[in-house]
Amino acid sequence: MASRVIMPKLTDSMEEGVVVKWRKAEGERVESGDVLAEIETDKAVMDLEAFASGTLLKVLVPEGTTVPSGTLIGVIGEPDEDIRDILTGAQPSVARPSAPRLAPSAVALPAEDTLASPRVRTLAREHGIDLKSVKGSGPGGRIVERDLEPFLAQKKEQPTVREVPLSQMRKAIVRMTTQSKAPVPHFYVTIDVDMAEGLRVVEGSKMAAAPSPISITHLLIAASARALKQHPGLNASFAGETIRIFSSIDIGIAVALEDGLIVPVLRDCGSKTLGQIVEAERILVARARKRELVPEEYTGATFLISNLGKFDVESFSAVILPPAATALAVGSVRETPVVRGGRVEVGHRMTLTLSCDHRVIDGAVAAQFLQTFKQALEHPRDL
């Protein structure tokens, strides 16, 4: 019996995917577990594995094409099998008989699905020219550089405007932030933290030449876990008629990528030592930058940390990403005059702004949490 190959839906935020590359050709024999295609989701490029053995009878979606999750993209069956009923009934909402397996794959994304040389593709991208509107004069209709000359001349006469298509990751960010900022009633609480002792811990770790040195982000994660254990009402989510209090402290760390943002999630931070947090965060963030994360590694954070300190940002407000009810925005550590014992000295301060979902958290509770957090961060050797 023929089996459908569909565009998977890996997370609630994934509404569509791109067929980057077919690894099996139409008419080729495949076995269950073979990689059929490379799929770009909203967070990564994944290998789509076959969940049935047979022949790839039909490829329905060309490489480079974006289709909604649930769309039929191929059919596996026996060589002489009649699949007309499957093809006739192909709809974007087709349900899969069993979920295909996906494994991480860091690969380059394809250029436009148009017959053109790399030089022509580069020129087209730089000048905002849609190659689909260009008629090729080369062999077999191939677009060559001279075919772009009329378009380039026209661009010179007009103000230069370059339109960049949204990547799958950027589309996901648009959906998630719109769904968060609009319906979630945000409020913000800000506090300054003395980072003198924290900087000493970080510098001491570097001088010790540890394989995984401690960073300010590691101290933030550990301090957050400490404070959330004492104030579990912030490790929560709004759920309509109820508030969900999570037993596991799963902290998401915002990581900037070239075309967007991903939030890998460090699980069960409440039971981890600082050393365990350092090692786990290092591995997780490295895999995030290579786009090797699987969905369970970047979804379901119960608390979010966004640190823009390395960009010399003094303070900002972060957007809450459900299911979390909070997001901590971290600014740079700055030298500033402080008064101690009636004398002015040079101190090191860091501004933290906690974004809160007012449906779950009130101002006084948020302030108490920040007091506990501040105490933990100012005494990092106790973490």
Protein backbone atom coordinates (compact mmCIF):
# COMPACT_ATOMS: atom_id res chain seq x y z
CA MET A 1 0.00 0.00 0.00
CA ALA A 2 1.36 3.43 -0.97
CA SER A 3 2.56 5.74 1.81
CA ARG A 4 2.30 9.51 1.82
CA VAL A 5 5.32 11.75 2.43
CA ILE A 6 4.15 15.06 3.85
CA MET A 7 5.69 18.31 5.02
CA PRO A 8 5.97 17.77 8.79
CA LYS A 9 4.81 20.13 11.53
CA LEU A 10 7.44 19.97 14.25
CA THR A 11 6.30 22.74 16.59
CA ASP A 12 3.25 24.91 17.21
CA SER A 13 5.06 27.83 15.56
CA MET A 14 5.89 25.95 12.35
CA GLU A 15 3.29 26.64 9.68
CA GLU A 16 5.32 25.88 6.56
CA GLY A 17 8.62 24.41 5.42
CA VAL A 18 10.98 24.51 2.45
CA VAL A 19 12.12 21.45 0.50
CA VAL A 20 15.81 22.31 0.37
CA LYS A 21 16.99 19.21 -1.48
CA TRP A 22 15.64 15.82 -2.49
CA ARG A 23 18.15 13.14 -1.48
CA LYS A 24 16.24 10.44 -3.35
CA ALA A 25 15.15 10.70 -6.97
CA GLU A 26 11.75 9.81 -8.35
CA GLY A 27 11.77 6.11 -9.21
CA GLU A 28 14.57 5.31 -6.77
CA ARG A 29 14.28 2.51 -4.20
CA VAL A 30 14.15 3.65 -0.56
CA GLU A 31 14.20 1.80 2.73
CA SER A 32 12.55 2.83 5.96
CA GLY A 33 14.95 5.22 7.71
CA ASP A 34 16.62 6.45 4.51
CA VAL A 35 16.92 10.22 4.21
CA LEU A 36 14.42 11.37 1.59
CA ALA A 37 14.93 15.12 1.65
CA GLU A 38 16.39 18.08 3.52
CA ILE A 39 13.70 20.33 5.01
CA GLU A 40 14.12 23.89 6.27
CA THR A 41 11.89 24.55 9.26
CA ASP A 42 11.50 27.81 11.17
CA LYS A 43 14.57 26.99 13.30
CA ALA A 44 16.81 24.52 11.49
CA VAL A 45 17.47 22.37 8.44
CA MET A 46 16.50 18.77 9.12
CA ASP A 47 16.74 15.42 7.38
CA LEU A 48 13.33 13.95 6.50
CA GLU A 49 13.53 10.17 6.81
CA ALA A 50 11.30 7.64 5.09
CA PHE A 51 8.90 5.81 7.39
CA ALA A 52 8.12 3.11 4.79
CA SER A 53 10.09 1.02 2.29
CA GLY A 54 9.40 0.97 -1.42
CA THR A 55 9.98 3.15 -4.47
CA LEU A 56 9.72 6.93 -4.46
CA LEU A 57 6.91 6.93 -7.02
CA LYS A 58 6.26 10.66 -7.13
CA VAL A 59 7.98 13.88 -6.11
CA LEU A 60 5.28 16.55 -5.89
CA VAL A 61 7.21 19.56 -4.55
CA PRO A 62 10.32 20.84 -6.36
CA GLU A 63 13.47 21.84 -4.49
CA GLY A 64 13.39 25.38 -3.11
CA THR A 65 9.60 25.39 -2.79
CA THR A 66 7.79 26.53 0.37
CA VAL A 67 4.60 24.63 1.28
CA PRO A 68 2.35 24.51 4.37
CA SER A 69 2.86 21.81 6.97
CA GLY A 70 0.70 18.81 6.13
CA THR A 71 1.14 19.21 2.36
CA LEU A 72 1.70 16.00 0.39
CA ILE A 73 5.20 16.28 -1.08
CA GLY A 74 5.81 12.73 -2.28
CA VAL A 75 4.51 9.17 -2.47
CA ILE A 76 6.27 5.86 -1.68
CA GLY A 77 4.90 2.56 -2.95
CA GLU A 78 5.48 -0.43 -5.20
CA PRO A 79 6.70 0.23 -8.77
CA ASP A 80 3.41 -0.63 -10.52
CA GLU A 81 1.08 0.66 -7.81
CA ASP A 82 -1.84 2.90 -8.79
CA ILE A 83 -1.57 6.15 -6.81
CA ARG A 84 -4.09 8.22 -8.74
CA ASP A 85 -6.48 8.37 -5.77
CA ILE A 86 -3.70 9.70 -3.52
CA LEU A 87 -2.66 12.34 -6.05
CA THR A 88 -6.26 13.39 -6.72
CA GLY A 89 -6.99 13.79 -3.03
CA ALA A 90 -3.77 15.64 -2.17
CA GLN A 91 -4.66 18.56 0.09
CA PRO A 92 -2.50 20.84 2.30
CA SER A 93 -4.19 19.37 5.38
CA VAL A 94 -3.47 15.70 4.54
CA ALA A 95 -2.85 13.76 7.77
CA ARG A 96 0.18 11.52 7.88
CA PRO A 97 -0.31 7.86 8.89
CA SER A 98 2.75 8.04 11.09
CA ALA A 99 5.15 10.87 11.86
CA PRO A 100 8.33 10.93 9.76
CA ARG A 101 11.57 10.94 11.67
CA LEU A 102 13.75 14.00 11.46
CA ALA A 103 17.41 14.29 12.35
CA PRO A 104 19.58 17.43 12.50
CA SER A 105 21.52 18.40 9.39
CA ALA A 106 23.60 21.62 9.12
CA VAL A 107 23.54 22.35 5.41
CA ALA A 108 23.61 25.38 3.14
CA LEU A 109 20.26 26.50 1.76
CA PRO A 110 19.71 26.48 -2.01
CA ALA A 111 19.74 29.53 -4.22
CA GLU A 112 16.81 30.40 -6.47
CA ASP A 113 15.33 27.46 -8.30
CA THR A 114 16.25 29.05 -11.66
CA LEU A 115 18.76 28.06 -14.36
CA ALA A 116 21.53 30.59 -13.74
CA SER A 117 25.20 30.72 -12.84
CA PRO A 118 26.33 31.52 -9.27
CA ARG A 119 27.66 34.89 -10.51
CA VAL A 120 24.26 35.78 -11.98
CA ARG A 121 22.46 34.70 -8.79
CA THR A 122 24.78 36.88 -6.71
CA LEU A 123 24.22 39.92 -8.94
CA ALA A 124 20.48 39.37 -8.83
CA ARG A 125 20.44 39.19 -5.03
CA GLU A 126 22.64 42.29 -4.67
CA HIS A 127 20.38 44.36 -6.93
CA GLY A 128 17.02 42.92 -5.90
CA ILE A 129 16.25 41.33 -9.26
CA ASP A 130 13.77 38.47 -9.39
CA LEU A 131 15.35 35.91 -11.72
CA LYS A 132 11.93 34.48 -12.49
CA SER A 133 11.20 37.66 -14.42
CA VAL A 134 14.37 37.40 -16.52
CA LYS A 135 14.36 35.62 -19.89
CA GLY A 136 17.56 33.64 -20.39
CA SER A 137 19.48 33.84 -23.65
CA GLY A 138 22.07 31.21 -22.83
CA PRO A 139 22.09 27.50 -23.74
CA GLY A 140 18.82 25.83 -22.77
CA GLY A 141 17.37 29.15 -21.60
CA ARG A 142 20.12 29.65 -19.00
CA ILE A 143 20.29 33.19 -17.62
CA VAL A 144 23.66 34.79 -18.32
CA GLU A 145 25.08 38.08 -17.10
CA ARG A 146 24.09 40.09 -20.20
CA ASP A 147 20.44 39.20 -19.54
CA LEU A 148 20.59 41.31 -16.37
CA GLU A 149 21.86 44.46 -18.11
CA PRO A 150 18.40 46.00 -18.80
CA PHE A 151 17.39 45.43 -15.17
CA LEU A 152 20.67 46.85 -13.85
CA ALA A 153 20.28 49.93 -16.04
CA GLN A 154 16.76 50.44 -14.74
CA LYS A 155 17.97 50.12 -11.16
CA LYS A 156 20.57 52.85 -11.73
CA GLU A 157 17.80 55.25 -12.74
CA GLN A 158 15.77 54.52 -9.61
CA PRO A 159 16.50 54.87 -5.88
CA THR A 160 18.01 51.59 -4.72
CA VAL A 161 15.57 49.52 -2.68
CA ARG A 162 16.38 45.92 -1.88
CA GLU A 163 13.61 43.61 -0.76
CA VAL A 164 14.79 40.60 1.21
CA PRO A 165 12.36 37.65 1.44
CA LEU A 166 11.54 36.52 4.96
CA SER A 167 13.40 33.39 6.00
CA GLN A 168 11.50 30.62 7.74
CA MET A 169 13.11 31.72 11.02
CA ARG A 170 12.10 35.35 10.53
CA LYS A 171 8.51 34.31 9.70
CA ALA A 172 8.42 32.33 12.95
CA ILE A 173 9.71 35.34 14.90
CA VAL A 174 7.00 37.53 13.33
CA ARG A 175 4.29 35.08 14.37
CA MET A 176 5.60 34.45 17.88
CA THR A 177 6.26 38.07 18.83
CA THR A 178 2.93 39.24 17.40
CA GLN A 179 1.09 36.52 19.32
CA SER A 180 2.97 37.52 22.48
CA LYS A 181 3.16 41.31 22.53
CA ALA A 182 -0.41 41.95 21.41
CA PRO A 183 -2.43 39.71 23.80
CA VAL A 184 -0.01 39.46 26.74
CA PRO A 185 -0.25 42.44 29.16
CA HIS A 186 3.44 43.19 29.77
CA PHE A 187 4.79 45.20 32.66
CA TYR A 188 8.42 45.83 33.55
CA VAL A 189 10.52 45.95 36.71
CA THR A 190 14.14 47.16 36.64
CA ILE A 191 16.96 46.70 39.13
CA ASP A 192 20.72 47.40 39.26
CA VAL A 193 23.14 44.68 40.39
CA ASP A 194 26.67 45.06 41.76
CA MET A 195 28.79 42.85 39.48
CA ALA A 196 32.19 43.34 41.14
CA GLU A 197 32.26 39.86 42.66
CA GLY A 198 30.72 38.30 39.56
CA LEU A 199 33.48 39.77 37.37
CA ARG A 200 36.10 38.37 39.74
CA VAL A 201 34.58 34.90 39.40
CA VAL A 202 34.51 35.17 35.60
CA GLU A 203 38.10 36.46 35.34
CA GLY A 204 39.33 33.86 37.82
CA SER A 205 37.76 31.13 35.72
CA LYS A 206 39.56 32.44 32.60
CA MET A 207 42.91 32.62 34.38
CA ALA A 208 42.48 29.06 35.58
CA ALA A 209 42.31 28.01 31.91
CA ALA A 210 39.23 25.87 32.56
CA PRO A 211 37.98 23.86 29.54
CA SER A 212 34.61 25.60 29.92
CA PRO A 213 35.18 28.97 31.64
CA ILE A 214 32.37 30.65 33.56
CA SER A 215 30.63 33.55 31.83
CA ILE A 216 28.18 36.18 33.07
CA THR A 217 25.43 34.28 31.25
CA HIS A 218 26.20 31.18 33.32
CA LEU A 219 25.91 33.22 36.52
CA LEU A 220 22.60 34.65 35.28
CA ILE A 221 21.21 31.15 34.64
CA ALA A 222 22.30 29.87 38.04
CA ALA A 223 20.95 32.95 39.85
CA SER A 224 17.65 32.69 37.95
CA ALA A 225 17.27 29.05 38.96
CA ARG A 226 18.01 29.94 42.60
CA ALA A 227 15.43 32.74 42.60
CA LEU A 228 12.77 30.71 40.78
CA LYS A 229 13.06 27.92 43.34
CA GLN A 230 12.24 30.47 46.04
CA HIS A 231 9.53 32.17 43.96
CA PRO A 232 7.87 29.35 41.96
CA GLY A 233 4.97 31.62 41.00
CA LEU A 234 7.20 33.14 38.31
CA ASN A 235 8.04 29.74 36.83
CA ALA A 236 4.53 29.66 35.45
CA SER A 237 2.22 30.15 32.48
CA PHE A 238 -1.23 31.62 31.87
CA ALA A 239 -3.66 28.89 30.76
CA GLY A 240 -7.05 30.55 30.38
CA GLU A 241 -8.94 29.63 33.54
CA THR A 242 -5.83 28.43 35.40
CA ILE A 243 -2.20 29.30 36.03
CA ARG A 244 0.25 26.46 35.42
CA ILE A 245 3.16 26.23 37.86
CA PHE A 246 6.00 24.24 36.32
CA SER A 247 7.96 21.82 38.48
CA SER A 248 11.00 21.93 36.20
CA ILE A 249 12.94 25.17 35.74
CA ASP A 250 13.66 25.21 31.99
CA ILE A 251 15.58 28.36 31.07
CA GLY A 252 15.72 29.62 27.49
CA ILE A 253 18.78 31.62 26.39
CA ALA A 254 18.28 33.93 23.41
CA VAL A 255 20.98 33.30 20.77
CA ALA A 256 21.34 35.65 17.80
CA LEU A 257 21.85 34.03 14.41
CA GLU A 258 22.56 35.63 11.06
CA ASP A 259 18.92 35.65 9.97
CA GLY A 260 17.10 35.75 13.27
CA LEU A 261 16.92 34.45 16.79
CA ILE A 262 16.65 31.06 18.44
CA VAL A 263 16.07 30.26 22.11
CA PRO A 264 17.74 26.97 23.10
CA VAL A 265 16.35 25.67 26.39
CA LEU A 266 18.51 24.44 29.25
CA ARG A 267 16.35 21.88 31.09
CA ASP A 268 15.92 21.36 34.83
CA CYS A 269 18.30 24.15 35.89
CA GLY A 270 17.01 23.94 39.44
CA SER A 271 18.84 20.65 40.00
CA LYS A 272 22.09 21.61 38.22
CA THR A 273 25.29 22.88 39.79
CA LEU A 274 27.02 25.91 38.29
CA GLY A 275 29.59 23.59 36.69
CA GLN A 276 26.85 21.50 35.10
CA ILE A 277 25.15 24.65 33.81
CA VAL A 278 28.41 25.85 32.23
CA GLU A 279 28.98 22.60 30.35
CA ALA A 280 25.36 22.10 29.28
CA GLU A 281 25.01 25.70 28.06
CA ARG A 282 28.24 25.53 26.07
CA ILE A 283 27.14 22.42 24.17
CA LEU A 284 23.57 23.65 23.63
CA VAL A 285 24.54 27.08 22.28
CA ALA A 286 27.21 25.61 19.99
CA ARG A 287 24.60 23.28 18.47
CA ALA A 288 22.17 26.20 18.15
CA ARG A 289 24.69 28.25 16.15
CA LYS A 290 25.20 25.26 13.83
CA ARG A 291 21.39 24.88 13.49
CA GLU A 292 21.57 21.33 14.80
CA LEU A 293 18.88 21.58 17.47
CA VAL A 294 15.82 19.35 17.44
CA PRO A 295 12.45 20.92 18.41
CA GLU A 296 12.45 19.76 22.04
CA GLU A 297 15.70 21.69 22.52
CA TYR A 298 14.24 25.08 21.59
CA THR A 299 10.63 24.95 22.76
CA GLY A 300 8.85 25.12 26.11
CA ALA A 301 11.09 27.48 28.10
CA THR A 302 9.55 28.46 31.45
CA PHE A 303 11.88 31.47 31.92
CA LEU A 304 13.77 33.50 29.31
CA ILE A 305 17.10 35.33 29.42
CA SER A 306 18.18 37.78 26.73
CA ASN A 307 21.67 39.23 27.25
CA LEU A 308 22.71 42.14 25.01
CA GLY A 309 25.54 43.22 27.30
CA LYS A 310 28.28 42.36 24.81
CA PHE A 311 26.78 44.94 22.42
CA ASP A 312 27.18 47.74 25.01
CA VAL A 313 23.42 47.97 25.48
CA GLU A 314 22.81 49.48 28.90
CA SER A 315 19.17 48.42 29.30
CA PHE A 316 16.20 47.23 27.26
CA SER A 317 12.91 45.34 27.59
CA ALA A 318 12.45 41.80 26.27
CA VAL A 319 9.28 40.35 24.75
CA ILE A 320 7.74 37.44 26.65
CA LEU A 321 7.48 34.24 24.61
CA PRO A 322 4.73 31.91 25.92
CA PRO A 323 4.48 29.53 27.65
CA ALA A 324 6.84 31.56 29.85
CA ALA A 325 5.33 34.40 31.86
CA THR A 326 8.62 36.26 32.25
CA ALA A 327 11.65 37.40 30.26
CA LEU A 328 14.83 38.85 31.74
CA ALA A 329 16.64 41.53 29.71
CA VAL A 330 20.32 41.92 30.64
CA GLY A 331 22.40 45.00 29.88
CA SER A 332 26.15 45.55 29.87
CA VAL A 333 28.36 45.69 32.95
CA ARG A 334 29.39 49.34 33.17
CA GLU A 335 31.78 51.33 35.33
CA THR A 336 29.89 53.90 37.35
CA PRO A 337 30.53 56.03 40.46
CA VAL A 338 29.11 54.50 43.65
CA VAL A 339 29.08 55.76 47.22
CA ARG A 340 30.49 53.48 49.94
CA GLY A 341 30.97 54.70 53.49
CA GLY A 342 30.62 58.31 52.44
CA ARG A 343 33.26 57.96 49.68
CA VAL A 344 32.80 57.85 45.92
CA GLU A 345 34.39 54.82 44.28
CA VAL A 346 34.35 53.19 40.86
CA GLY A 347 31.80 50.38 40.82
CA HIS A 348 30.57 47.85 38.27
CA ARG A 349 26.83 47.77 37.74
CA MET A 350 24.51 45.84 35.47
CA THR A 351 20.88 46.77 34.76
CA LEU A 352 18.30 43.99 34.62
CA THR A 353 14.72 44.46 33.39
CA LEU A 354 12.16 41.75 34.07
CA SER A 355 9.20 41.61 31.67
CA CYS A 356 6.16 40.05 33.34
CA ASP A 357 2.78 38.74 32.21
CA HIS A 358 0.38 40.67 34.46
CA ARG A 359 -2.20 37.88 34.17
CA VAL A 360 0.18 35.67 36.16
CA ILE A 361 2.44 37.99 38.16
CA ASP A 362 1.91 41.20 40.15
CA GLY A 363 4.45 43.97 40.66
CA ALA A 364 5.28 43.20 44.29
CA VAL A 365 5.94 39.53 43.48
CA ALA A 366 8.22 40.51 40.59
CA ALA A 367 10.12 42.92 42.85
CA GLN A 368 10.63 40.23 45.50
CA PHE A 369 11.93 37.85 42.85
CA LEU A 370 14.45 40.46 41.65
CA GLN A 371 15.64 41.06 45.21
CA THR A 372 16.37 37.34 45.58
CA PHE A 373 17.98 37.26 42.14
CA LYS A 374 20.16 40.28 42.97
CA GLN A 375 21.30 38.69 46.24
CA ALA A 376 22.29 35.48 44.42
CA LEU A 377 24.11 37.28 41.61
CA GLU A 378 26.04 39.54 44.00
CA HIS A 379 27.28 36.44 45.87
CA PRO A 380 28.20 34.16 42.94
CA ARG A 381 30.52 31.94 44.95
CA ASP A 382 27.45 30.57 46.72
CA LEU A 383 25.81 29.47 43.46
